[in-house]
């Protein structure tokens, strides 16, 4: 497992390492000290720029980075190559710690789900019904003395492994949010008419309960001083599904999870990130924040931070009959986003815009990426396919002929 810069071609890490040299001191007894305020700022920049391959808590990332910095100061070496070498060693050291079994306990705003167990990534999601398993109950009750579980919410246990409890929480939470995002893509409305106080309710039909706790295999809390609150928690009406909808949901969610798990690791990691962004955005009561988060999820799926490229890739999956209409909708969303970001509220309700983006996310995730699960190695390959699919058949055949010729020449050159 390694880490890399998110924007390698735009970032000069040598400048940041020189800054580290300036704010560090190596004392006579070989202890390392940093200027506290400057270190805080520099650490933040590194954490913002570095992409860790794998799931780590923010605390684990900070520890890995701090140990890397200390080694650089001790060696009196601040060049890029040494930085990456030590960083890689520190990540490997962290990964050599033995894993333990952990169990995340939470709840969802659904009366009943027609499934009992599902595997998402390396976590198992267990739907336990109205109550948590007995071995966890008293320990959860002790940690949440002033808070009661919503009796109408279905109880969920996420079983996973981690090298420490914070890493384990991060893994379990991400897997749970992938599951919840897929539920929301299926169960959320395509559009709603809302009036009065209801307009402030989040769009997501499936919300998390007020708080989550993490437990060891024996039922005890992993850390009695740590439990996690949902910042956007709001008591909402529990979703009730009739028999027909439960049967349909069971078929759909099993297929979606199967297709998600079939995706190749790097491709799946990006989809996981996008689904986590999406479901978090649609938990928001503030629809402007929801809209901006949804747009970020769209950028993540399409690997596009340029609006023109985003629109081009997004419309590629539509037939010629529908492509122009979808392009006009995306242009409207682009203009609306830019006006809001640069000028503030323009008076137009973002509510409808959120539903538009949700439909694009649904089509890109389910009807495109999941359809080709196991075919693309990365999201870059998926977007490369969309770029190619924008060409008409005649242009594609010409490009294929040229590419085949280029491959043939390359192979000959390699043999000679």
Protein backbone atom coordinates (compact mmCIF):
# COMPACT_ATOMS: atom_id res chain seq x y z
CA UNK A 1 0.00 0.00 0.00
CA UNK A 2 1.33 3.43 -0.93
CA UNK A 3 0.29 7.06 -1.13
CA UNK A 4 0.61 9.51 -3.98
CA UNK A 5 -0.14 13.14 -4.75
CA UNK A 6 -3.65 13.71 -6.08
CA UNK A 7 -2.41 16.18 -8.70
CA UNK A 8 1.16 15.08 -9.37
CA UNK A 9 1.68 17.38 -12.35
CA UNK A 10 0.46 20.50 -10.51
CA UNK A 11 2.09 20.10 -7.10
CA UNK A 12 5.74 20.83 -6.31
CA UNK A 13 6.25 18.77 -3.19
CA UNK A 14 9.88 19.92 -2.90
CA UNK A 15 8.61 23.35 -1.78
CA UNK A 16 6.56 21.76 1.01
CA UNK A 17 9.48 19.60 2.13
CA UNK A 18 11.69 22.69 2.27
CA UNK A 19 9.03 24.29 4.48
CA UNK A 20 9.19 21.22 6.73
CA UNK A 21 12.95 21.72 7.02
CA UNK A 22 12.41 25.36 8.05
CA UNK A 23 9.92 24.58 10.84
CA UNK A 24 11.77 21.56 12.31
CA UNK A 25 14.56 21.31 14.87
CA UNK A 26 16.84 18.39 15.70
CA UNK A 27 17.96 18.73 19.32
CA UNK A 28 21.26 17.52 20.81
CA UNK A 29 19.65 14.38 22.26
CA UNK A 30 18.31 13.49 18.79
CA UNK A 31 14.73 14.49 19.55
CA UNK A 32 12.70 16.21 16.87
CA UNK A 33 10.64 19.35 17.49
CA UNK A 34 8.35 21.38 15.22
CA UNK A 35 6.92 24.88 15.30
CA UNK A 36 3.43 23.89 16.52
CA UNK A 37 1.34 26.38 14.55
CA UNK A 38 3.31 26.02 11.32
CA UNK A 39 3.26 22.22 11.65
CA UNK A 40 -0.53 22.22 11.98
CA UNK A 41 -0.86 24.16 8.73
CA UNK A 42 1.72 22.09 6.84
CA UNK A 43 0.20 18.80 8.00
CA UNK A 44 -3.21 19.96 6.73
CA UNK A 45 -1.76 20.74 3.29
CA UNK A 46 -0.06 17.33 3.03
CA UNK A 47 -3.24 15.52 4.08
CA UNK A 48 -5.24 17.48 1.51
CA UNK A 49 -2.78 16.66 -1.29
CA UNK A 50 -1.95 13.01 -0.52
CA UNK A 51 -4.13 10.12 -1.62
CA UNK A 52 -3.69 6.99 0.50
CA UNK A 53 -4.40 3.70 -1.25
CA UNK A 54 -6.67 1.87 1.15
CA UNK A 55 -9.01 2.86 3.97
CA UNK A 56 -7.39 4.72 6.86
CA UNK A 57 -8.84 6.93 9.56
CA UNK A 58 -7.67 10.54 9.61
CA UNK A 59 -5.83 9.77 12.88
CA UNK A 60 -3.91 6.91 11.21
CA UNK A 61 -2.95 9.19 8.31
CA UNK A 62 -1.71 11.84 10.75
CA UNK A 63 0.40 9.30 12.66
CA UNK A 64 1.91 7.92 9.45
CA UNK A 65 2.72 11.42 8.23
CA UNK A 66 4.17 12.57 11.56
CA UNK A 67 6.45 9.51 11.77
CA UNK A 68 7.55 10.18 8.18
CA UNK A 69 8.38 13.80 8.99
CA UNK A 70 10.38 12.80 12.07
CA UNK A 71 12.44 10.32 10.04
CA UNK A 72 13.20 13.01 7.44
CA UNK A 73 14.44 15.38 10.15
CA UNK A 74 16.54 12.66 11.79
CA UNK A 75 18.13 11.79 8.43
CA UNK A 76 18.48 15.48 7.52
CA UNK A 77 17.09 14.59 4.10
CA UNK A 78 14.20 16.53 2.60
CA UNK A 79 14.17 15.39 -1.02
CA UNK A 80 11.10 13.91 -2.70
CA UNK A 81 12.50 10.41 -3.26
CA UNK A 82 13.40 9.93 0.42
CA UNK A 83 10.00 11.30 1.47
CA UNK A 84 8.12 8.73 -0.62
CA UNK A 85 10.43 5.91 0.50
CA UNK A 86 9.91 6.67 4.20
CA UNK A 87 6.19 7.29 3.73
CA UNK A 88 5.83 3.91 2.03
CA UNK A 89 7.75 2.23 4.88
CA UNK A 90 5.52 3.87 7.50
CA UNK A 91 2.38 2.73 5.68
CA UNK A 92 3.76 -0.82 5.51
CA UNK A 93 4.58 -0.65 9.23
CA UNK A 94 1.00 0.42 9.98
CA UNK A 95 -0.37 -2.39 7.78
CA UNK A 96 1.69 -5.04 9.60
CA UNK A 97 -0.34 -4.53 12.77
CA UNK A 98 -2.63 -7.53 13.42
CA UNK A 99 -6.27 -7.08 12.47
CA UNK A 100 -9.17 -7.54 14.89
CA UNK A 101 -12.85 -8.14 14.30
CA UNK A 102 -15.05 -5.10 14.90
CA UNK A 103 -18.80 -4.53 14.74
CA UNK A 104 -20.44 -1.21 13.91
CA UNK A 105 -23.96 -0.85 15.34
CA UNK A 106 -26.35 1.66 13.80
CA UNK A 107 -29.91 1.89 12.46
CA UNK A 108 -31.77 2.94 9.31
CA UNK A 109 -35.09 4.72 8.88
CA UNK A 110 -36.84 1.70 7.34
CA UNK A 111 -39.48 -0.43 9.03
CA UNK A 112 -38.36 -3.66 7.37
CA UNK A 113 -35.83 -4.83 4.77
CA UNK A 114 -36.29 -8.09 2.80
CA UNK A 115 -32.68 -9.21 3.26
CA UNK A 116 -30.62 -10.47 6.19
CA UNK A 117 -26.97 -10.38 5.10
CA UNK A 118 -24.96 -8.72 2.35
CA UNK A 119 -21.24 -8.35 1.74
CA UNK A 120 -19.99 -4.94 0.60
CA UNK A 121 -16.23 -4.75 -0.03
CA UNK A 122 -14.73 -6.66 2.91
CA UNK A 123 -17.54 -5.86 5.34
CA UNK A 124 -20.65 -7.90 6.08
CA UNK A 125 -23.87 -5.95 6.60
CA UNK A 126 -26.30 -7.80 8.87
CA UNK A 127 -29.90 -6.65 9.25
CA UNK A 128 -30.99 -7.71 12.75
CA UNK A 129 -34.57 -6.41 12.81
CA UNK A 130 -36.01 -4.50 15.79
CA UNK A 131 -33.14 -5.25 18.19
CA UNK A 132 -29.37 -5.56 18.21
CA UNK A 133 -27.82 -8.93 19.15
CA UNK A 134 -27.95 -9.49 22.91
CA UNK A 135 -24.18 -9.46 23.52
CA UNK A 136 -23.94 -5.85 22.29
CA UNK A 137 -27.03 -4.34 23.93
CA UNK A 138 -25.90 -3.57 27.50
CA UNK A 139 -22.58 -2.13 26.32
CA UNK A 140 -24.31 0.09 23.75
CA UNK A 141 -26.82 1.18 26.41
CA UNK A 142 -24.00 2.16 28.78
CA UNK A 143 -22.32 4.37 26.20
CA UNK A 144 -25.53 6.13 25.15
CA UNK A 145 -27.22 6.67 28.52
CA UNK A 146 -28.81 9.99 27.53
CA UNK A 147 -29.91 8.86 24.06
CA UNK A 148 -32.53 6.33 23.07
CA UNK A 149 -32.57 4.30 19.87
CA UNK A 150 -35.53 4.94 17.60
CA UNK A 151 -37.66 1.81 18.04
CA UNK A 152 -39.11 2.19 14.54
CA UNK A 153 -35.70 2.14 12.81
CA UNK A 154 -34.33 -1.19 11.64
CA UNK A 155 -31.12 -2.23 13.41
CA UNK A 156 -27.92 -2.86 11.45
CA UNK A 157 -24.62 -4.54 12.39
CA UNK A 158 -21.61 -4.08 10.08
CA UNK A 159 -18.90 -6.70 10.69
CA UNK A 160 -15.40 -5.81 9.51
CA UNK A 161 -11.70 -6.05 10.38
CA UNK A 162 -9.26 -3.29 11.24
CA UNK A 163 -5.81 -2.64 12.67
CA UNK A 164 -7.28 -0.19 15.14
CA UNK A 165 -10.83 0.79 16.00
CA UNK A 166 -10.76 4.07 14.05
CA UNK A 167 -9.61 2.37 10.84
CA UNK A 168 -12.30 -0.27 11.41
CA UNK A 169 -14.98 2.38 11.86
CA UNK A 170 -13.92 4.09 8.62
CA UNK A 171 -14.12 0.81 6.67
CA UNK A 172 -17.46 -0.24 8.15
CA UNK A 173 -19.00 3.21 7.71
CA UNK A 174 -17.96 3.45 4.04
CA UNK A 175 -19.40 0.02 3.28
CA UNK A 176 -22.64 0.89 5.06
CA UNK A 177 -22.91 4.13 3.10
CA UNK A 178 -22.44 2.28 -0.20
CA UNK A 179 -25.35 0.03 0.80
CA UNK A 180 -27.48 2.99 1.90
CA UNK A 181 -26.63 4.97 -1.26
CA UNK A 182 -27.84 2.10 -3.44
CA UNK A 183 -31.02 1.84 -1.36
CA UNK A 184 -31.60 5.56 -1.85
CA UNK A 185 -30.96 5.41 -5.60
CA UNK A 186 -33.71 2.77 -5.76
CA UNK A 187 -36.16 4.21 -3.21
CA UNK A 188 -35.79 7.99 -3.47
CA UNK A 189 -38.43 9.85 -5.45
CA UNK A 190 -37.70 11.00 -8.99
CA UNK A 191 -39.27 14.35 -8.09
CA UNK A 192 -41.49 15.65 -5.30
CA UNK A 193 -43.76 18.61 -4.76
CA UNK A 194 -43.15 19.99 -1.28
CA UNK A 195 -44.75 22.84 0.59
CA UNK A 196 -44.17 24.55 3.94
CA UNK A 197 -42.08 22.81 6.59
CA UNK A 198 -41.70 19.62 4.50
CA UNK A 199 -39.43 21.45 2.05
CA UNK A 200 -36.63 21.37 4.65
CA UNK A 201 -36.66 17.57 4.94
CA UNK A 202 -33.74 15.71 3.33
CA UNK A 203 -34.43 13.98 0.02
CA UNK A 204 -33.05 10.60 1.12
CA UNK A 205 -35.74 8.11 2.13
CA UNK A 206 -33.26 5.95 4.03
CA UNK A 207 -31.46 7.87 6.78
CA UNK A 208 -29.04 6.73 9.46
CA UNK A 209 -30.04 6.71 13.10
CA UNK A 210 -28.79 9.32 15.55
CA UNK A 211 -25.56 7.59 16.54
CA UNK A 212 -23.32 4.58 15.95
CA UNK A 213 -21.17 2.52 18.31
CA UNK A 214 -18.25 0.19 17.59
CA UNK A 215 -17.80 -3.10 19.42
CA UNK A 216 -15.36 -5.97 19.82
CA UNK A 217 -16.22 -9.61 19.22
CA UNK A 218 -17.12 -10.14 22.90
CA UNK A 219 -19.69 -7.33 22.73
CA UNK A 220 -17.68 -4.73 24.65
CA UNK A 221 -17.27 -1.27 23.12
CA UNK A 222 -14.03 -0.86 21.18
CA UNK A 223 -13.45 2.41 23.05
CA UNK A 224 -15.92 3.56 25.70
CA UNK A 225 -15.13 7.24 25.06
CA UNK A 226 -15.88 7.08 21.33
CA UNK A 227 -19.21 6.95 19.56
CA UNK A 228 -20.35 8.74 16.44
CA UNK A 229 -23.28 11.14 15.95
CA UNK A 230 -24.94 11.84 12.62
CA UNK A 231 -24.52 15.59 12.16
CA UNK A 232 -27.61 15.81 9.93
CA UNK A 233 -29.79 13.61 12.13
CA UNK A 234 -33.43 14.53 12.09
CA UNK A 235 -36.39 12.42 13.18
CA UNK A 236 -38.15 11.38 9.98
CA UNK A 237 -41.08 9.15 9.21
CA UNK A 238 -39.98 5.52 8.95
CA UNK A 239 -40.21 4.18 5.42
CA UNK A 240 -42.67 1.29 5.12
CA UNK A 241 -42.62 -0.95 2.05
CA UNK A 242 -45.53 -3.08 0.97
CA UNK A 243 -45.05 -6.74 0.02
CA UNK A 244 -44.67 -6.01 -3.70
CA UNK A 245 -42.02 -3.33 -3.10
CA UNK A 246 -40.10 -5.59 -0.70
CA UNK A 247 -39.91 -8.36 -3.30
CA UNK A 248 -38.74 -5.90 -5.96
CA UNK A 249 -36.20 -4.30 -3.60
CA UNK A 250 -34.74 -7.70 -2.65
CA UNK A 251 -34.09 -8.54 -6.30
CA UNK A 252 -32.69 -5.11 -7.16
CA UNK A 253 -30.41 -4.58 -4.17
CA UNK A 254 -28.88 -8.06 -4.48
CA UNK A 255 -28.12 -7.41 -8.15
CA UNK A 256 -26.64 -3.98 -7.41
CA UNK A 257 -24.40 -5.24 -4.61
CA UNK A 258 -23.28 -8.17 -6.77
CA UNK A 259 -22.36 -5.82 -9.64
CA UNK A 260 -20.60 -3.42 -7.26
CA UNK A 261 -18.49 -6.23 -5.77
CA UNK A 262 -17.63 -7.48 -9.28
CA UNK A 263 -15.96 -4.15 -10.14
CA UNK A 264 -12.15 -4.24 -10.18
CA UNK A 265 -10.62 -2.74 -7.02
CA UNK A 266 -9.46 0.69 -8.24
CA UNK A 267 -12.64 1.22 -10.25
CA UNK A 268 -14.74 0.13 -7.26
CA UNK A 269 -12.89 2.48 -4.90
CA UNK A 270 -13.86 5.49 -7.00
CA UNK A 271 -17.48 4.34 -7.22
CA UNK A 272 -17.48 3.87 -3.43
CA UNK A 273 -16.21 7.42 -2.98
CA UNK A 274 -18.87 8.80 -5.36
CA UNK A 275 -21.67 6.86 -3.64
CA UNK A 276 -20.53 8.09 -0.22
CA UNK A 277 -20.52 11.70 -1.48
CA UNK A 278 -23.96 11.27 -3.07
CA UNK A 279 -25.71 9.76 -0.04
CA UNK A 280 -24.18 12.32 2.32
CA UNK A 281 -25.26 15.20 0.06
CA UNK A 282 -28.87 13.98 -0.11
CA UNK A 283 -29.02 13.80 3.72
CA UNK A 284 -28.75 17.60 3.76
CA UNK A 285 -31.73 19.76 4.68
CA UNK A 286 -30.09 22.69 2.88
CA UNK A 287 -30.74 21.91 -0.77
CA UNK A 288 -27.96 24.25 -1.96
CA UNK A 289 -25.43 22.11 -0.07
CA UNK A 290 -27.18 19.00 -1.42
CA UNK A 291 -26.87 20.30 -4.98
CA UNK A 292 -23.16 21.16 -4.66
CA UNK A 293 -22.41 17.76 -3.08
CA UNK A 294 -24.34 15.99 -5.84
CA UNK A 295 -22.36 17.89 -8.48
CA UNK A 296 -19.13 16.76 -6.77
CA UNK A 297 -20.34 13.14 -6.93
CA UNK A 298 -20.99 13.63 -10.65
CA UNK A 299 -17.46 15.03 -11.13
CA UNK A 300 -16.04 12.02 -9.27
CA UNK A 301 -17.86 9.45 -11.42
CA UNK A 302 -16.89 11.25 -14.64
CA UNK A 303 -13.32 12.16 -13.54
CA UNK A 304 -14.01 15.67 -14.81
CA UNK A 305 -13.46 18.98 -13.04
CA UNK A 306 -14.07 20.90 -16.29
CA UNK A 307 -17.74 21.50 -16.98
CA UNK A 308 -17.52 21.04 -20.76
CA UNK A 309 -15.83 17.66 -20.35
CA UNK A 310 -18.35 16.64 -17.68
CA UNK A 311 -21.29 17.41 -19.99
CA UNK A 312 -19.68 15.63 -22.93
CA UNK A 313 -19.02 12.47 -20.91
CA UNK A 314 -22.40 12.51 -19.17
CA UNK A 315 -24.37 12.73 -22.42
CA UNK A 316 -22.29 9.99 -24.11
CA UNK A 317 -24.40 7.24 -22.57
CA UNK A 318 -27.65 8.56 -24.09
CA UNK A 319 -29.02 7.70 -27.52
CA UNK A 320 -28.92 10.40 -30.19
CA UNK A 321 -32.66 10.84 -29.71
CA UNK A 322 -32.23 11.93 -26.06
CA UNK A 323 -28.67 13.31 -26.06
CA UNK A 324 -29.54 16.91 -27.01
CA UNK A 325 -32.27 17.23 -24.37
CA UNK A 326 -29.91 15.91 -21.65
CA UNK A 327 -27.22 18.32 -22.84
CA UNK A 328 -29.57 21.30 -22.38
CA UNK A 329 -30.46 20.11 -18.87
CA UNK A 330 -26.76 19.78 -17.97
CA UNK A 331 -26.01 23.21 -19.41
CA UNK A 332 -28.75 24.62 -17.19
CA UNK A 333 -27.29 22.84 -14.16
CA UNK A 334 -23.79 24.08 -15.02
CA UNK A 335 -24.93 27.70 -15.31
CA UNK A 336 -26.95 27.42 -12.10
CA UNK A 337 -23.95 25.97 -10.22
CA UNK A 338 -21.54 28.64 -11.48
CA UNK A 339 -23.94 31.47 -10.67
CA UNK A 340 -24.50 30.13 -7.15
CA UNK A 341 -20.78 29.59 -6.47
CA UNK A 342 -19.71 33.00 -7.80
CA UNK A 343 -22.72 35.20 -7.12
CA UNK A 344 -24.75 33.48 -4.39
CA UNK A 345 -28.45 32.66 -4.34
CA UNK A 346 -30.14 33.64 -7.60
CA UNK A 347 -33.65 32.89 -6.33
CA UNK A 348 -34.11 29.64 -8.26
CA UNK A 349 -35.00 26.68 -6.04
CA UNK A 350 -32.19 24.04 -6.06
CA UNK A 351 -34.68 21.29 -5.17
CA UNK A 352 -35.43 20.33 -8.79
CA UNK A 353 -31.72 20.55 -9.68
CA UNK A 354 -30.93 17.93 -7.02
CA UNK A 355 -33.35 15.47 -8.62
CA UNK A 356 -31.87 16.10 -12.07
CA UNK A 357 -28.37 15.24 -10.82
CA UNK A 358 -29.66 12.21 -8.92
CA UNK A 359 -31.01 10.82 -12.20
CA UNK A 360 -27.62 11.32 -13.91
CA UNK A 361 -25.84 9.62 -10.98
CA UNK A 362 -28.31 6.70 -11.16
CA UNK A 363 -27.70 6.21 -14.88
CA UNK A 364 -23.92 6.56 -14.65
CA UNK A 365 -23.53 4.18 -11.69
CA UNK A 366 -26.18 1.57 -12.40
CA UNK A 367 -26.77 1.62 -16.15
CA UNK A 368 -23.16 2.24 -17.14
CA UNK A 369 -20.50 1.39 -14.55
CA UNK A 370 -22.37 -1.58 -13.03
CA UNK A 371 -23.39 -2.82 -16.47
CA UNK A 372 -19.69 -3.17 -17.33
CA UNK A 373 -18.62 -4.41 -13.86
CA UNK A 374 -15.27 -6.21 -14.13
CA UNK A 375 -14.43 -4.74 -17.53
CA UNK A 376 -12.83 -1.43 -16.50
CA UNK A 377 -9.71 -1.48 -14.31
CA UNK A 378 -10.11 2.15 -13.25
CA UNK A 379 -12.53 5.06 -13.57
CA UNK A 380 -10.09 6.49 -16.13
CA UNK A 381 -10.81 3.53 -18.40
CA UNK A 382 -14.55 4.01 -17.90
CA UNK A 383 -14.37 7.68 -18.88
CA UNK A 384 -12.08 6.82 -21.80
CA UNK A 385 -14.87 4.54 -23.03
CA UNK A 386 -17.38 7.41 -22.73
CA UNK A 387 -15.02 9.71 -24.65
CA UNK A 388 -14.78 7.11 -27.43
CA UNK A 389 -18.51 6.45 -27.45
CA UNK A 390 -19.14 10.10 -28.28
CA UNK A 391 -17.78 9.49 -31.79
CA UNK A 392 -20.05 8.16 -34.52
CA UNK A 393 -19.49 4.67 -35.88
CA UNK A 394 -17.51 5.82 -38.92
CA UNK A 395 -15.12 7.89 -36.78
CA UNK A 396 -14.71 5.00 -34.33
CA UNK A 397 -13.74 2.61 -37.12
CA UNK A 398 -11.13 5.07 -38.42
CA UNK A 399 -9.72 5.48 -34.91
CA UNK A 400 -9.68 1.70 -34.41
CA UNK A 401 -7.80 1.23 -37.70
CA UNK A 402 -5.19 3.82 -36.66
CA UNK A 403 -4.88 2.39 -33.14
CA UNK A 404 -4.47 -1.16 -34.49
CA UNK A 405 -1.74 0.11 -36.81
CA UNK A 406 0.01 1.94 -33.97
CA UNK A 407 -0.11 -1.20 -31.77
CA UNK A 408 1.30 -3.29 -34.61
CA UNK A 409 4.22 -0.88 -35.10
CA UNK A 410 4.91 -0.70 -31.36
CA UNK A 411 5.05 -4.50 -31.13
CA UNK A 412 7.45 -4.69 -34.10
CA UNK A 413 9.71 -2.03 -32.55
CA UNK A 414 9.78 -3.91 -29.24
CA UNK A 415 10.87 -7.12 -30.99
CA UNK A 416 13.61 -5.46 -33.04
